[in-house]
Amino acid sequence: MPLTMAKAGEMNTIKKVGGKEETRRFLENLGFVAGGAVTVVSEISGNMIVNVKESRVAINKEMANKIII
């Protein structure tokens, strides 16, 4: 399921990062790699703040939909 369906406070494991090569590389540079842990901190109208690799990152709904957990 996409990251947008995760509940706040729930730890999840990233299964796959989709999208174009450029988008995948951008997300991987932020720490969104397959097998990595991600936790949703908060979600407002689809836009999310997540903990990944001990950092907080804000991503929009389109980017969150490309991250499969």
C-alpha atoms as a PDB file:
ATOM      1  CA  MET A   1       0.000   0.000   0.000  1.00  0.00           C
ATOM      2  CA  PRO A   2       1.202   3.571  -0.567  1.00  0.00           C
ATOM      3  CA  LEU A   3       2.613   5.613   2.316  1.00  0.00           C
ATOM      4  CA  THR A   4      -0.448   7.896   2.183  1.00  0.00           C
ATOM      5  CA  MET A   5      -2.514   5.074   3.734  1.00  0.00           C
ATOM      6  CA  ALA A   6      -0.270   4.693   6.813  1.00  0.00           C
ATOM      7  CA  LYS A   7      -1.525   5.891  10.195  1.00  0.00           C
ATOM      8  CA  ALA A   8       0.384   8.492  12.226  1.00  0.00           C
ATOM      9  CA  GLY A   9       2.791   6.990  14.751  1.00  0.00           C
ATOM     10  CA  GLU A  10       2.915   3.620  12.993  1.00  0.00           C
ATOM     11  CA  MET A  11       6.372   2.279  12.037  1.00  0.00           C
ATOM     12  CA  ASN A  12       6.444   0.805   8.521  1.00  0.00           C
ATOM     13  CA  THR A  13       9.063  -0.764   6.266  1.00  0.00           C
ATOM     14  CA  ILE A  14       9.538   0.584   2.750  1.00  0.00           C
ATOM     15  CA  LYS A  15       9.004  -2.181   0.184  1.00  0.00           C
ATOM     16  CA  LYS A  16       9.593  -0.184  -3.010  1.00  0.00           C
ATOM     17  CA  VAL A  17      10.080   3.363  -4.279  1.00  0.00           C
ATOM     18  CA  GLY A  18       8.300   3.973  -7.589  1.00  0.00           C
ATOM     19  CA  GLY A  19       8.149   6.771 -10.136  1.00  0.00           C
ATOM     20  CA  LYS A  20      10.568   8.047 -12.746  1.00  0.00           C
ATOM     21  CA  GLU A  21      14.313   7.517 -12.288  1.00  0.00           C
ATOM     22  CA  GLU A  22      14.793  11.165 -11.288  1.00  0.00           C
ATOM     23  CA  THR A  23      12.033  10.941  -8.646  1.00  0.00           C
ATOM     24  CA  ARG A  24      13.369   7.651  -7.241  1.00  0.00           C
ATOM     25  CA  ARG A  25      16.877   9.085  -6.960  1.00  0.00           C
ATOM     26  CA  PHE A  26      15.545  12.189  -5.180  1.00  0.00           C
ATOM     27  CA  LEU A  27      13.585  10.095  -2.650  1.00  0.00           C
ATOM     28  CA  GLU A  28      16.539   7.743  -2.099  1.00  0.00           C
ATOM     29  CA  ASN A  29      18.772  10.735  -1.361  1.00  0.00           C
ATOM     30  CA  LEU A  30      16.274  11.762   1.331  1.00  0.00           C
ATOM     31  CA  GLY A  31      16.561   8.279   2.871  1.00  0.00           C
ATOM     32  CA  PHE A  32      13.556   6.497   1.348  1.00  0.00           C
ATOM     33  CA  VAL A  33      15.223   3.201   0.399  1.00  0.00           C
ATOM     34  CA  ALA A  34      13.748  -0.314   0.180  1.00  0.00           C
ATOM     35  CA  GLY A  35      14.027  -2.047   3.532  1.00  0.00           C
ATOM     36  CA  GLY A  36      14.271   1.235   5.442  1.00  0.00           C
ATOM     37  CA  ALA A  37      11.948   2.211   8.280  1.00  0.00           C
ATOM     38  CA  VAL A  38       9.518   5.119   7.956  1.00  0.00           C
ATOM     39  CA  THR A  39       7.114   6.553  10.537  1.00  0.00           C
ATOM     40  CA  VAL A  40       4.353   9.060   9.765  1.00  0.00           C
ATOM     41  CA  VAL A  41       4.498  11.980  12.219  1.00  0.00           C
ATOM     42  CA  SER A  42       1.518  13.920  10.860  1.00  0.00           C
ATOM     43  CA  GLU A  43      -0.667  14.204   7.776  1.00  0.00           C
ATOM     44  CA  ILE A  44      -2.588  17.270   6.585  1.00  0.00           C
ATOM     45  CA  SER A  45      -4.703  16.906   3.425  1.00  0.00           C
ATOM     46  CA  GLY A  46      -2.381  14.243   2.007  1.00  0.00           C
ATOM     47  CA  ASN A  47       0.871  16.109   2.670  1.00  0.00           C
ATOM     48  CA  MET A  48       2.970  14.306   5.265  1.00  0.00           C
ATOM     49  CA  ILE A  49       5.756  14.782   7.763  1.00  0.00           C
ATOM     50  CA  VAL A  50       7.636  11.514   8.249  1.00  0.00           C
ATOM     51  CA  ASN A  51      10.608  10.236  10.245  1.00  0.00           C
ATOM     52  CA  VAL A  52      13.098   8.474   8.025  1.00  0.00           C
ATOM     53  CA  LYS A  53      16.720   7.688   8.985  1.00  0.00           C
ATOM     54  CA  GLU A  54      16.331   9.719  12.207  1.00  0.00           C
ATOM     55  CA  SER A  55      15.339  12.864  10.278  1.00  0.00           C
ATOM     56  CA  ARG A  56      11.983  14.537   9.762  1.00  0.00           C
ATOM     57  CA  VAL A  57      11.071  15.079   6.130  1.00  0.00           C
ATOM     58  CA  ALA A  58       8.011  16.798   4.647  1.00  0.00           C
ATOM     59  CA  ILE A  59       6.700  15.295   1.400  1.00  0.00           C
ATOM     60  CA  ASN A  60       3.651  16.045  -0.691  1.00  0.00           C
ATOM     61  CA  LYS A  61       0.867  13.610  -1.535  1.00  0.00           C
ATOM     62  CA  GLU A  62       2.238  12.749  -5.010  1.00  0.00           C
ATOM     63  CA  MET A  63       5.647  11.772  -3.577  1.00  0.00           C
ATOM     64  CA  ALA A  64       4.042   9.804  -0.713  1.00  0.00           C
ATOM     65  CA  ASN A  65       1.981   7.817  -3.235  1.00  0.00           C
ATOM     66  CA  LYS A  66       5.205   6.648  -4.936  1.00  0.00           C
ATOM     67  CA  ILE A  67       6.530   5.113  -1.687  1.00  0.00           C
ATOM     68  CA  ILE A  68       5.125   1.598  -1.209  1.00  0.00           C
ATOM     69  CA  ILE A  69       5.108   0.120   2.313  1.00  0.00           C
END
